[in-house]
């Protein structure tokens, strides 16, 4: 910060006033023409930051509501139907990934067999741990 120890606003103002008092080829209008665009740009950046600092308006999320006369059986049926659609979507997604894997040259069946073996091992370990915890 040794640069700023020699800076004085009073001396800068005095230099500016003496610059305007001297006669010569320079014009105060040239100084004004240089300062105004800079001031406008700085002000524009300031306004831009104020605008972007505002949080976006809250979004209203509506959810499904059911009639008060809905029975538990109807609720269970709706849940089962939703779960069925979800399972179908996951199956389609899994098939799409398999097709992509085949397209890029992967052995999808081998990968699936390895995953099934790994799942079976984890289940066996979980059963052993549960059996060990009961004893």
C-alpha atoms as a PDB file:
ATOM      1  CA  UNK A   1       0.000   0.000   0.000  1.00  0.00           C
ATOM      2  CA  UNK A   2       2.968   2.334  -0.340  1.00  0.00           C
ATOM      3  CA  UNK A   3       1.409   3.799  -3.490  1.00  0.00           C
ATOM      4  CA  UNK A   4      -1.558   5.291  -1.653  1.00  0.00           C
ATOM      5  CA  UNK A   5       0.511   7.002   1.063  1.00  0.00           C
ATOM      6  CA  UNK A   6       1.404   9.737  -1.447  1.00  0.00           C
ATOM      7  CA  UNK A   7      -2.169  10.223  -2.699  1.00  0.00           C
ATOM      8  CA  UNK A   8      -4.162  13.155  -1.344  1.00  0.00           C
ATOM      9  CA  UNK A   9      -7.658  14.149  -2.411  1.00  0.00           C
ATOM     10  CA  UNK A  10      -6.902  17.771  -1.559  1.00  0.00           C
ATOM     11  CA  UNK A  11      -3.876  17.830  -3.846  1.00  0.00           C
ATOM     12  CA  UNK A  12      -5.846  16.047  -6.598  1.00  0.00           C
ATOM     13  CA  UNK A  13      -8.612  18.663  -6.389  1.00  0.00           C
ATOM     14  CA  UNK A  14      -6.068  21.470  -6.449  1.00  0.00           C
ATOM     15  CA  UNK A  15      -4.418  19.968  -9.543  1.00  0.00           C
ATOM     16  CA  UNK A  16      -7.780  19.647 -11.290  1.00  0.00           C
ATOM     17  CA  UNK A  17      -8.730  23.270 -10.560  1.00  0.00           C
ATOM     18  CA  UNK A  18      -5.328  24.536 -11.727  1.00  0.00           C
ATOM     19  CA  UNK A  19      -5.718  22.454 -14.897  1.00  0.00           C
ATOM     20  CA  UNK A  20      -9.035  24.159 -15.674  1.00  0.00           C
ATOM     21  CA  UNK A  21      -7.617  27.640 -14.918  1.00  0.00           C
ATOM     22  CA  UNK A  22      -4.735  27.311 -17.372  1.00  0.00           C
ATOM     23  CA  UNK A  23      -5.321  28.486 -20.866  1.00  0.00           C
ATOM     24  CA  UNK A  24      -4.370  26.245 -23.659  1.00  0.00           C
ATOM     25  CA  UNK A  25      -5.666  23.930 -26.335  1.00  0.00           C
ATOM     26  CA  UNK A  26      -7.567  21.747 -23.890  1.00  0.00           C
ATOM     27  CA  UNK A  27     -11.226  22.343 -23.247  1.00  0.00           C
ATOM     28  CA  UNK A  28     -13.409  21.597 -20.227  1.00  0.00           C
ATOM     29  CA  UNK A  29     -15.904  20.141 -22.665  1.00  0.00           C
ATOM     30  CA  UNK A  30     -13.397  17.488 -23.633  1.00  0.00           C
ATOM     31  CA  UNK A  31     -12.985  16.612 -19.961  1.00  0.00           C
ATOM     32  CA  UNK A  32     -16.764  16.452 -19.563  1.00  0.00           C
ATOM     33  CA  UNK A  33     -17.081  14.305 -22.693  1.00  0.00           C
ATOM     34  CA  UNK A  34     -14.602  11.853 -21.193  1.00  0.00           C
ATOM     35  CA  UNK A  35     -16.218  11.756 -17.736  1.00  0.00           C
ATOM     36  CA  UNK A  36     -19.914  11.474 -18.648  1.00  0.00           C
ATOM     37  CA  UNK A  37     -19.752   8.126 -20.514  1.00  0.00           C
ATOM     38  CA  UNK A  38     -17.643   6.659 -17.709  1.00  0.00           C
ATOM     39  CA  UNK A  39     -20.142   7.851 -15.104  1.00  0.00           C
ATOM     40  CA  UNK A  40     -23.031   6.422 -17.134  1.00  0.00           C
ATOM     41  CA  UNK A  41     -21.308   3.034 -17.430  1.00  0.00           C
ATOM     42  CA  UNK A  42     -20.575   2.904 -13.695  1.00  0.00           C
ATOM     43  CA  UNK A  43     -24.162   3.915 -12.875  1.00  0.00           C
ATOM     44  CA  UNK A  44     -25.500   1.253 -15.260  1.00  0.00           C
ATOM     45  CA  UNK A  45     -23.431  -1.425 -13.536  1.00  0.00           C
ATOM     46  CA  UNK A  46     -24.715  -0.209 -10.175  1.00  0.00           C
ATOM     47  CA  UNK A  47     -28.366  -0.412 -11.300  1.00  0.00           C
ATOM     48  CA  UNK A  48     -27.713  -3.834 -12.832  1.00  0.00           C
ATOM     49  CA  UNK A  49     -26.372  -5.195  -9.537  1.00  0.00           C
ATOM     50  CA  UNK A  50     -29.383  -3.835  -7.673  1.00  0.00           C
ATOM     51  CA  UNK A  51     -31.735  -5.563 -10.081  1.00  0.00           C
ATOM     52  CA  UNK A  52     -29.911  -8.896  -9.950  1.00  0.00           C
ATOM     53  CA  UNK A  53     -29.683  -8.811  -6.158  1.00  0.00           C
ATOM     54  CA  UNK A  54     -33.457  -9.105  -5.864  1.00  0.00           C
ATOM     55  CA  UNK A  55     -34.600 -12.659  -5.249  1.00  0.00           C
ATOM     56  CA  UNK A  56     -36.938 -14.147  -7.826  1.00  0.00           C
ATOM     57  CA  UNK A  57     -40.613 -14.110  -6.939  1.00  0.00           C
ATOM     58  CA  UNK A  58     -41.805 -17.193  -5.096  1.00  0.00           C
ATOM     59  CA  UNK A  59     -43.333 -19.932  -7.179  1.00  0.00           C
ATOM     60  CA  UNK A  60     -46.681 -21.271  -6.167  1.00  0.00           C
ATOM     61  CA  UNK A  61     -46.882 -25.036  -6.303  1.00  0.00           C
ATOM     62  CA  UNK A  62     -50.301 -26.573  -6.383  1.00  0.00           C
ATOM     63  CA  UNK A  63     -50.903 -30.150  -5.386  1.00  0.00           C
ATOM     64  CA  UNK A  64     -53.697 -32.562  -6.054  1.00  0.00           C
ATOM     65  CA  UNK A  65     -56.447 -32.676  -3.530  1.00  0.00           C
ATOM     66  CA  UNK A  66     -59.089 -35.314  -3.272  1.00  0.00           C
ATOM     67  CA  UNK A  67     -62.680 -35.089  -2.196  1.00  0.00           C
ATOM     68  CA  UNK A  68     -63.390 -35.515   1.491  1.00  0.00           C
ATOM     69  CA  UNK A  69     -65.578 -38.504   0.643  1.00  0.00           C
ATOM     70  CA  UNK A  70     -62.627 -40.497  -0.716  1.00  0.00           C
ATOM     71  CA  UNK A  71     -62.308 -43.856   0.985  1.00  0.00           C
ATOM     72  CA  UNK A  72     -59.148 -45.641   2.102  1.00  0.00           C
ATOM     73  CA  UNK A  73     -59.698 -48.295  -0.576  1.00  0.00           C
ATOM     74  CA  UNK A  74     -59.792 -45.611  -3.286  1.00  0.00           C
ATOM     75  CA  UNK A  75     -56.594 -44.128  -1.883  1.00  0.00           C
ATOM     76  CA  UNK A  76     -54.870 -47.520  -1.886  1.00  0.00           C
ATOM     77  CA  UNK A  77     -56.056 -48.178  -5.456  1.00  0.00           C
ATOM     78  CA  UNK A  78     -54.689 -44.791  -6.604  1.00  0.00           C
ATOM     79  CA  UNK A  79     -51.372 -45.475  -4.885  1.00  0.00           C
ATOM     80  CA  UNK A  80     -51.153 -48.930  -6.487  1.00  0.00           C
ATOM     81  CA  UNK A  81     -51.910 -47.466  -9.931  1.00  0.00           C
ATOM     82  CA  UNK A  82     -49.240 -44.789  -9.472  1.00  0.00           C
ATOM     83  CA  UNK A  83     -46.708 -47.387  -8.333  1.00  0.00           C
ATOM     84  CA  UNK A  84     -47.530 -49.556 -11.353  1.00  0.00           C
ATOM     85  CA  UNK A  85     -46.894 -46.629 -13.728  1.00  0.00           C
ATOM     86  CA  UNK A  86     -43.677 -45.820 -11.888  1.00  0.00           C
ATOM     87  CA  UNK A  87     -42.447 -49.429 -12.169  1.00  0.00           C
ATOM     88  CA  UNK A  88     -43.264 -49.488 -15.893  1.00  0.00           C
ATOM     89  CA  UNK A  89     -41.349 -46.249 -16.384  1.00  0.00           C
ATOM     90  CA  UNK A  90     -38.318 -47.659 -14.542  1.00  0.00           C
ATOM     91  CA  UNK A  91     -38.453 -50.839 -16.658  1.00  0.00           C
ATOM     92  CA  UNK A  92     -38.542 -48.759 -19.882  1.00  0.00           C
ATOM     93  CA  UNK A  93     -35.655 -46.674 -18.607  1.00  0.00           C
ATOM     94  CA  UNK A  94     -33.639 -49.786 -17.749  1.00  0.00           C
ATOM     95  CA  UNK A  95     -34.254 -51.200 -21.235  1.00  0.00           C
ATOM     96  CA  UNK A  96     -33.176 -47.916 -22.802  1.00  0.00           C
ATOM     97  CA  UNK A  97     -29.924 -48.023 -20.839  1.00  0.00           C
ATOM     98  CA  UNK A  98     -29.364 -51.610 -21.927  1.00  0.00           C
ATOM     99  CA  UNK A  99     -29.942 -50.655 -25.570  1.00  0.00           C
ATOM    100  CA  UNK A 100     -27.493 -47.792 -25.213  1.00  0.00           C
ATOM    101  CA  UNK A 101     -24.941 -50.113 -23.623  1.00  0.00           C
ATOM    102  CA  UNK A 102     -25.287 -52.571 -26.488  1.00  0.00           C
ATOM    103  CA  UNK A 103     -24.948 -49.725 -28.992  1.00  0.00           C
ATOM    104  CA  UNK A 104     -21.615 -48.655 -27.529  1.00  0.00           C
ATOM    105  CA  UNK A 105     -20.312 -52.222 -27.416  1.00  0.00           C
ATOM    106  CA  UNK A 106     -20.767 -53.174 -23.765  1.00  0.00           C
ATOM    107  CA  UNK A 107     -21.637 -56.712 -22.633  1.00  0.00           C
ATOM    108  CA  UNK A 108     -24.886 -55.780 -20.885  1.00  0.00           C
ATOM    109  CA  UNK A 109     -25.825 -59.325 -19.898  1.00  0.00           C
ATOM    110  CA  UNK A 110     -22.465 -59.894 -18.188  1.00  0.00           C
ATOM    111  CA  UNK A 111     -22.798 -56.620 -16.273  1.00  0.00           C
ATOM    112  CA  UNK A 112     -26.324 -57.542 -15.177  1.00  0.00           C
ATOM    113  CA  UNK A 113     -25.192 -61.007 -14.001  1.00  0.00           C
ATOM    114  CA  UNK A 114     -22.387 -59.438 -11.969  1.00  0.00           C
ATOM    115  CA  UNK A 115     -24.821 -56.950 -10.442  1.00  0.00           C
ATOM    116  CA  UNK A 116     -27.225 -59.746  -9.489  1.00  0.00           C
ATOM    117  CA  UNK A 117     -24.404 -61.723  -7.862  1.00  0.00           C
ATOM    118  CA  UNK A 118     -23.315 -58.664  -5.940  1.00  0.00           C
ATOM    119  CA  UNK A 119     -26.905 -58.009  -4.782  1.00  0.00           C
ATOM    120  CA  UNK A 120     -27.242 -61.635  -3.669  1.00  0.00           C
ATOM    121  CA  UNK A 121     -23.990 -61.401  -1.714  1.00  0.00           C
ATOM    122  CA  UNK A 122     -25.124 -58.205   0.003  1.00  0.00           C
ATOM    123  CA  UNK A 123     -28.472 -59.781   0.916  1.00  0.00           C
ATOM    124  CA  UNK A 124     -26.694 -62.841   2.323  1.00  0.00           C
ATOM    125  CA  UNK A 125     -24.406 -60.618   4.362  1.00  0.00           C
ATOM    126  CA  UNK A 126     -27.382 -58.643   5.643  1.00  0.00           C
ATOM    127  CA  UNK A 127     -29.164 -61.870   6.647  1.00  0.00           C
ATOM    128  CA  UNK A 128     -26.026 -63.123   8.398  1.00  0.00           C
ATOM    129  CA  UNK A 129     -25.667 -59.824  10.226  1.00  0.00           C
ATOM    130  CA  UNK A 130     -29.341 -59.902  11.240  1.00  0.00           C
ATOM    131  CA  UNK A 131     -29.009 -63.504  12.433  1.00  0.00           C
ATOM    132  CA  UNK A 132     -25.863 -62.611  14.377  1.00  0.00           C
ATOM    133  CA  UNK A 133     -27.601 -59.640  15.982  1.00  0.00           C
ATOM    134  CA  UNK A 134     -30.508 -61.810  17.199  1.00  0.00           C
ATOM    135  CA  UNK A 135     -28.210 -64.236  18.993  1.00  0.00           C
END
